[in-house]
C-alpha atoms as a PDB file:
ATOM      1  CA  MET A   1     219.006  44.076 194.301  1.00  0.00           C
ATOM      2  CA  SER A   2     219.401  40.894 192.273  1.00  0.00           C
ATOM      3  CA  ASP A   3     217.845  40.112 188.909  1.00  0.00           C
ATOM      4  CA  SER A   4     215.222  37.856 190.471  1.00  0.00           C
ATOM      5  CA  ASP A   5     214.093  40.651 192.819  1.00  0.00           C
ATOM      6  CA  SER A   6     213.661  43.162 190.027  1.00  0.00           C
ATOM      7  CA  ALA A   7     211.887  40.700 187.718  1.00  0.00           C
ATOM      8  CA  GLY A   8     208.735  40.631 189.859  1.00  0.00           C
ATOM      9  CA  VAL A   9     207.127  37.927 191.910  1.00  0.00           C
ATOM     10  CA  GLY A  10     209.397  34.923 192.383  1.00  0.00           C
ATOM     11  CA  GLY A  11     208.446  31.359 191.614  1.00  0.00           C
ATOM     12  CA  ARG A  12     208.587  30.280 195.247  1.00  0.00           C
ATOM     13  CA  ARG A  13     206.093  32.956 196.281  1.00  0.00           C
ATOM     14  CA  ILE A  14     203.673  31.828 193.578  1.00  0.00           C
ATOM     15  CA  ILE A  15     203.957  28.173 194.601  1.00  0.00           C
ATOM     16  CA  VAL A  16     203.477  28.975 198.295  1.00  0.00           C
ATOM     17  CA  GLY A  17     200.493  31.173 197.436  1.00  0.00           C
ATOM     18  CA  LEU A  18     198.911  28.422 195.339  1.00  0.00           C
ATOM     19  CA  TYR A  19     199.601  25.911 198.108  1.00  0.00           C
ATOM     20  CA  ILE A  20     197.790  28.100 200.631  1.00  0.00           C
ATOM     21  CA  ILE A  21     194.866  28.632 198.242  1.00  0.00           C
ATOM     22  CA  VAL A  22     194.468  24.895 197.546  1.00  0.00           C
ATOM     23  CA  VAL A  23     194.645  23.961 201.239  1.00  0.00           C
ATOM     24  CA  THR A  24     192.105  26.683 202.079  1.00  0.00           C
ATOM     25  CA  ILE A  25     189.722  25.420 199.385  1.00  0.00           C
ATOM     26  CA  ALA A  26     190.042  21.890 200.810  1.00  0.00           C
ATOM     27  CA  GLY A  27     189.098  23.245 204.235  1.00  0.00           C
ATOM     28  CA  LEU A  28     186.114  25.140 202.858  1.00  0.00           C
ATOM     29  CA  LEU A  29     184.851  22.091 201.002  1.00  0.00           C
ATOM     30  CA  GLY A  30     185.258  19.975 204.134  1.00  0.00           C
ATOM     31  CA  ALA A  31     183.237  22.516 206.101  1.00  0.00           C
ATOM     32  CA  ILE A  32     180.526  22.541 203.429  1.00  0.00           C
ATOM     33  CA  ILE A  33     180.301  18.746 203.451  1.00  0.00           C
ATOM     34  CA  GLY A  34     180.223  18.708 207.255  1.00  0.00           C
ATOM     35  CA  SER A  35     177.508  21.350 207.408  1.00  0.00           C
ATOM     36  CA  ALA A  36     175.324  19.479 204.908  1.00  0.00           C
ATOM     37  CA  GLY A  37     174.074  17.495 207.886  1.00  0.00           C
ATOM     38  CA  LEU A  38     174.436  14.033 206.428  1.00  0.00           C
ATOM     39  CA  ARG A  39     173.409  11.550 209.103  1.00  0.00           C
ATOM     40  CA  ASP A  40     175.414   8.487 208.097  1.00  0.00           C
ATOM     41  CA  LEU A  41     178.909  10.018 208.116  1.00  0.00           C
ATOM     42  CA  GLU A  42     181.461   8.186 210.235  1.00  0.00           C
ATOM     43  CA  PRO A  43     184.599   9.628 211.836  1.00  0.00           C
ATOM     44  CA  VAL A  44     187.625   9.673 209.521  1.00  0.00           C
ATOM     45  CA  SER A  45     191.251   9.240 210.492  1.00  0.00           C
ATOM     46  CA  PHE A  46     194.409  10.676 208.999  1.00  0.00           C
ATOM     47  CA  LEU A  47     197.117   8.014 208.635  1.00  0.00           C
ATOM     48  CA  GLY A  48     195.596   6.191 211.586  1.00  0.00           C
ATOM     49  CA  ILE A  49     197.013   8.834 213.931  1.00  0.00           C
ATOM     50  CA  VAL A  50     194.298  11.475 214.313  1.00  0.00           C
ATOM     51  CA  THR A  51     190.545  10.881 214.122  1.00  0.00           C
ATOM     52  CA  PHE A  52     188.278  13.671 212.912  1.00  0.00           C
ATOM     53  CA  GLN A  53     184.589  13.778 213.751  1.00  0.00           C
ATOM     54  CA  PRO A  54     182.109  14.447 210.902  1.00  0.00           C
ATOM     55  CA  THR A  55     181.381  18.010 211.969  1.00  0.00           C
ATOM     56  CA  PRO A  56     182.035  21.079 209.812  1.00  0.00           C
ATOM     57  CA  THR A  57     185.172  21.875 211.806  1.00  0.00           C
ATOM     58  CA  GLY A  58     186.353  18.269 211.874  1.00  0.00           C
ATOM     59  CA  LEU A  59     185.939  17.702 208.160  1.00  0.00           C
ATOM     60  CA  ALA A  60     187.526  21.066 207.357  1.00  0.00           C
ATOM     61  CA  ALA A  61     190.539  20.118 209.472  1.00  0.00           C
ATOM     62  CA  PHE A  62     190.668  16.684 207.838  1.00  0.00           C
ATOM     63  CA  GLY A  63     190.571  18.176 204.338  1.00  0.00           C
ATOM     64  CA  MET A  64     193.247  20.727 205.121  1.00  0.00           C
ATOM     65  CA  THR A  65     195.467  18.149 206.822  1.00  0.00           C
ATOM     66  CA  THR A  66     195.136  15.579 204.062  1.00  0.00           C
ATOM     67  CA  VAL A  67     195.609  17.956 201.138  1.00  0.00           C
ATOM     68  CA  GLY A  68     198.308  19.925 202.952  1.00  0.00           C
ATOM     69  CA  PHE A  69     200.291  16.792 203.744  1.00  0.00           C
ATOM     70  CA  GLY A  70     199.902  15.236 200.290  1.00  0.00           C
ATOM     71  CA  LEU A  71     200.654  18.376 198.332  1.00  0.00           C
ATOM     72  CA  GLY A  72     203.447  19.339 200.727  1.00  0.00           C
ATOM     73  CA  LEU A  73     205.075  15.958 200.235  1.00  0.00           C
ATOM     74  CA  VAL A  74     204.959  16.335 196.455  1.00  0.00           C
ATOM     75  CA  LEU A  75     206.395  19.853 196.640  1.00  0.00           C
ATOM     76  CA  LEU A  76     209.156  18.651 198.958  1.00  0.00           C
ATOM     77  CA  LEU A  77     210.075  15.924 196.467  1.00  0.00           C
ATOM     78  CA  VAL A  78     210.193  18.502 193.658  1.00  0.00           C
ATOM     79  CA  VAL A  79     212.544  20.697 195.709  1.00  0.00           C
ATOM     80  CA  VAL A  80     214.845  17.756 196.529  1.00  0.00           C
ATOM     81  CA  VAL A  81     214.996  16.587 192.916  1.00  0.00           C
ATOM     82  CA  SER A  82     215.502  20.104 191.549  1.00  0.00           C
ATOM     83  CA  ARG A  83     218.480  20.645 193.852  1.00  0.00           C
ATOM     84  CA  ARG A  84     220.128  17.414 192.722  1.00  0.00           C
ATOM     85  CA  ILE A  85     219.789  18.076 189.003  1.00  0.00           C
ATOM     86  CA  PRO A  86     222.374  20.614 187.835  1.00  0.00           C
ATOM     87  CA  ASP A  87     221.228  23.679 185.924  1.00  0.00           C
ATOM     88  CA  GLU A  88     222.248  23.879 182.297  1.00  0.00           C
ATOM     89  CA  ALA A  89     223.980  27.071 181.292  1.00  0.00           C
END
């Protein structure tokens, strides 16, 4: 067993857990907005590739896709930068 295993929950597990929580909240909020029954909502598209209809399921999927992609991109950049910067002893 290494020191990081015996110290408790690792940093990666916390970040992944927070990522899942934030993406889930985005989906829930999208479903709430979609179920509000607003009449003048128009379909939304993600990066011009996928179009989501303004239904509870569609807006939940749009929220999860958008937040998941954006936050995932930021986390990926943090991982790349952290691997290139050497640790100080």
